[in-house]
C-alpha atoms as a PDB file:
ATOM      1  CA  MET A   1      40.348 -31.493 -42.029  1.00  0.00           C
ATOM      2  CA  PRO A   2      42.750 -29.007 -43.578  1.00  0.00           C
ATOM      3  CA  ASP A   3      45.458 -30.122 -45.799  1.00  0.00           C
ATOM      4  CA  THR A   4      48.213 -28.290 -43.273  1.00  0.00           C
ATOM      5  CA  ALA A   5      50.898 -29.972 -41.444  1.00  0.00           C
ATOM      6  CA  PRO A   6      49.978 -30.814 -37.799  1.00  0.00           C
ATOM      7  CA  GLY A   7      50.663 -27.068 -35.991  1.00  0.00           C
ATOM      8  CA  THR A   8      50.550 -24.736 -38.593  1.00  0.00           C
ATOM      9  CA  THR A   9      47.476 -22.478 -39.188  1.00  0.00           C
ATOM     10  CA  PRO A  10      46.143 -22.556 -43.048  1.00  0.00           C
ATOM     11  CA  ASP A  11      47.502 -19.712 -45.282  1.00  0.00           C
ATOM     12  CA  ALA A  12      44.791 -16.773 -45.168  1.00  0.00           C
ATOM     13  CA  SER A  13      44.359 -16.260 -48.848  1.00  0.00           C
ATOM     14  CA  ASN A  14      43.670 -19.864 -49.313  1.00  0.00           C
ATOM     15  CA  LEU A  15      41.100 -19.866 -46.942  1.00  0.00           C
ATOM     16  CA  ASN A  16      39.500 -16.768 -48.579  1.00  0.00           C
ATOM     17  CA  GLU A  17      39.265 -18.016 -51.655  1.00  0.00           C
ATOM     18  CA  THR A  18      37.652 -21.143 -50.321  1.00  0.00           C
ATOM     19  CA  ILE A  19      34.794 -18.984 -48.561  1.00  0.00           C
ATOM     20  CA  GLU A  20      34.239 -16.929 -52.142  1.00  0.00           C
ATOM     21  CA  ALA A  21      34.633 -19.995 -53.807  1.00  0.00           C
ATOM     22  CA  GLY A  22      31.954 -21.312 -51.699  1.00  0.00           C
ATOM     23  CA  LEU A  23      29.512 -18.102 -51.483  1.00  0.00           C
ATOM     24  CA  ARG A  24      29.530 -17.904 -55.092  1.00  0.00           C
ATOM     25  CA  MET A  25      28.170 -21.771 -55.156  1.00  0.00           C
ATOM     26  CA  ARG A  26      25.763 -20.559 -52.883  1.00  0.00           C
ATOM     27  CA  ARG A  27      24.765 -17.357 -54.803  1.00  0.00           C
ATOM     28  CA  ALA A  28      24.437 -19.550 -57.980  1.00  0.00           C
ATOM     29  CA  ALA A  29      21.943 -21.611 -55.934  1.00  0.00           C
ATOM     30  CA  LEU A  30      20.065 -18.789 -54.878  1.00  0.00           C
ATOM     31  CA  VAL A  31      19.630 -16.804 -58.007  1.00  0.00           C
ATOM     32  CA  LEU A  32      17.833 -20.550 -59.714  1.00  0.00           C
ATOM     33  CA  GLU A  33      15.614 -20.817 -56.966  1.00  0.00           C
ATOM     34  CA  HIS A  34      15.130 -16.867 -57.315  1.00  0.00           C
ATOM     35  CA  ARG A  35      14.200 -17.932 -61.059  1.00  0.00           C
ATOM     36  CA  ASP A  36      12.152 -21.162 -60.243  1.00  0.00           C
ATOM     37  CA  LEU A  37      10.066 -19.191 -57.804  1.00  0.00           C
ATOM     38  CA  ASP A  38       9.422 -16.473 -59.721  1.00  0.00           C
ATOM     39  CA  ASP A  39       8.348 -18.608 -62.627  1.00  0.00           C
ATOM     40  CA  THR A  40       6.134 -20.134 -60.179  1.00  0.00           C
ATOM     41  CA  VAL A  41       4.471 -17.198 -58.789  1.00  0.00           C
ATOM     42  CA  SER A  42       3.620 -15.772 -62.152  1.00  0.00           C
ATOM     43  CA  LEU A  43       2.019 -19.020 -63.266  1.00  0.00           C
ATOM     44  CA  LEU A  44       0.034 -19.293 -60.110  1.00  0.00           C
ATOM     45  CA  GLY A  45      -0.722 -15.239 -59.884  1.00  0.00           C
ATOM     46  CA  GLU A  46      -2.501 -16.159 -64.062  1.00  0.00           C
ATOM     47  CA  ASN A  47      -4.766 -18.925 -61.984  1.00  0.00           C
ATOM     48  CA  GLU A  48      -8.115 -17.404 -60.476  1.00  0.00           C
ATOM     49  CA  ALA A  49      -8.021 -19.943 -58.070  1.00  0.00           C
ATOM     50  CA  CYS A  50      -4.975 -20.308 -56.766  1.00  0.00           C
ATOM     51  CA  ASP A  51      -3.973 -20.422 -52.517  1.00  0.00           C
ATOM     52  CA  GLU A  52      -3.763 -16.736 -52.081  1.00  0.00           C
ATOM     53  CA  LEU A  53      -2.101 -18.554 -48.875  1.00  0.00           C
ATOM     54  CA  LEU A  54       0.688 -19.861 -50.793  1.00  0.00           C
ATOM     55  CA  LEU A  55       1.246 -17.459 -52.995  1.00  0.00           C
ATOM     56  CA  SER A  56       1.733 -15.167 -50.582  1.00  0.00           C
ATOM     57  CA  ARG A  57       4.177 -17.195 -48.832  1.00  0.00           C
ATOM     58  CA  LEU A  58       6.000 -17.977 -51.951  1.00  0.00           C
ATOM     59  CA  LYS A  59       6.543 -14.040 -52.600  1.00  0.00           C
ATOM     60  CA  LYS A  60       8.010 -13.875 -49.478  1.00  0.00           C
ATOM     61  CA  ARG A  61      10.456 -16.469 -49.737  1.00  0.00           C
ATOM     62  CA  ARG A  62      11.502 -14.729 -53.060  1.00  0.00           C
ATOM     63  CA  LEU A  63      11.949 -11.798 -51.186  1.00  0.00           C
ATOM     64  CA  HIS A  64      13.950 -13.753 -48.681  1.00  0.00           C
ATOM     65  CA  LEU A  65      16.494 -15.433 -51.823  1.00  0.00           C
ATOM     66  CA  ARG A  66      16.443 -11.614 -53.273  1.00  0.00           C
ATOM     67  CA  ASP A  67      18.140 -10.256 -49.916  1.00  0.00           C
ATOM     68  CA  GLU A  68      20.583 -13.235 -49.085  1.00  0.00           C
ATOM     69  CA  ILE A  69      21.559 -12.759 -53.122  1.00  0.00           C
ATOM     70  CA  ALA A  70      22.156  -8.858 -52.374  1.00  0.00           C
ATOM     71  CA  ARG A  71      24.310  -9.493 -49.149  1.00  0.00           C
ATOM     72  CA  ILE A  72      26.580 -11.657 -51.113  1.00  0.00           C
ATOM     73  CA  ASP A  73      26.440  -9.470 -53.664  1.00  0.00           C
ATOM     74  CA  GLY A  74      27.726  -7.004 -51.153  1.00  0.00           C
ATOM     75  CA  TYR A  75      30.673  -9.259 -49.718  1.00  0.00           C
ATOM     76  CA  PHE A  76      32.415  -9.244 -53.262  1.00  0.00           C
ATOM     77  CA  ALA A  77      31.424  -5.342 -53.871  1.00  0.00           C
ATOM     78  CA  PRO A  78      34.411  -3.246 -54.067  1.00  0.00           C
ATOM     79  CA  ARG A  79      35.223  -1.437 -50.614  1.00  0.00           C
ATOM     80  CA  SER A  80      35.997   1.947 -50.587  1.00  0.00           C
ATOM     81  CA  ILE A  81      38.423   3.618 -47.498  1.00  0.00           C
ATOM     82  CA  ALA A  82      37.282   6.218 -45.758  1.00  0.00           C
ATOM     83  CA  SER A  83      39.409   9.114 -45.293  1.00  0.00           C
END
């Protein structure tokens, strides 16, 4: 429940700050997971007896993480005003 008085709405800047803080935390978690997957994929790739299906799924997950990180980065990218 928000910290506002009954009948009032939360300040938009506070809401934006909360959203941005959440996105930053999410991005940090995604980067960590991506790094871990990168290490795992590298190790499995060196092993000739590795499960190719597992390796393929891990690579797909890693790509999905990279795309999600890019989407979050796009949120923070400066926007130009079209004239």
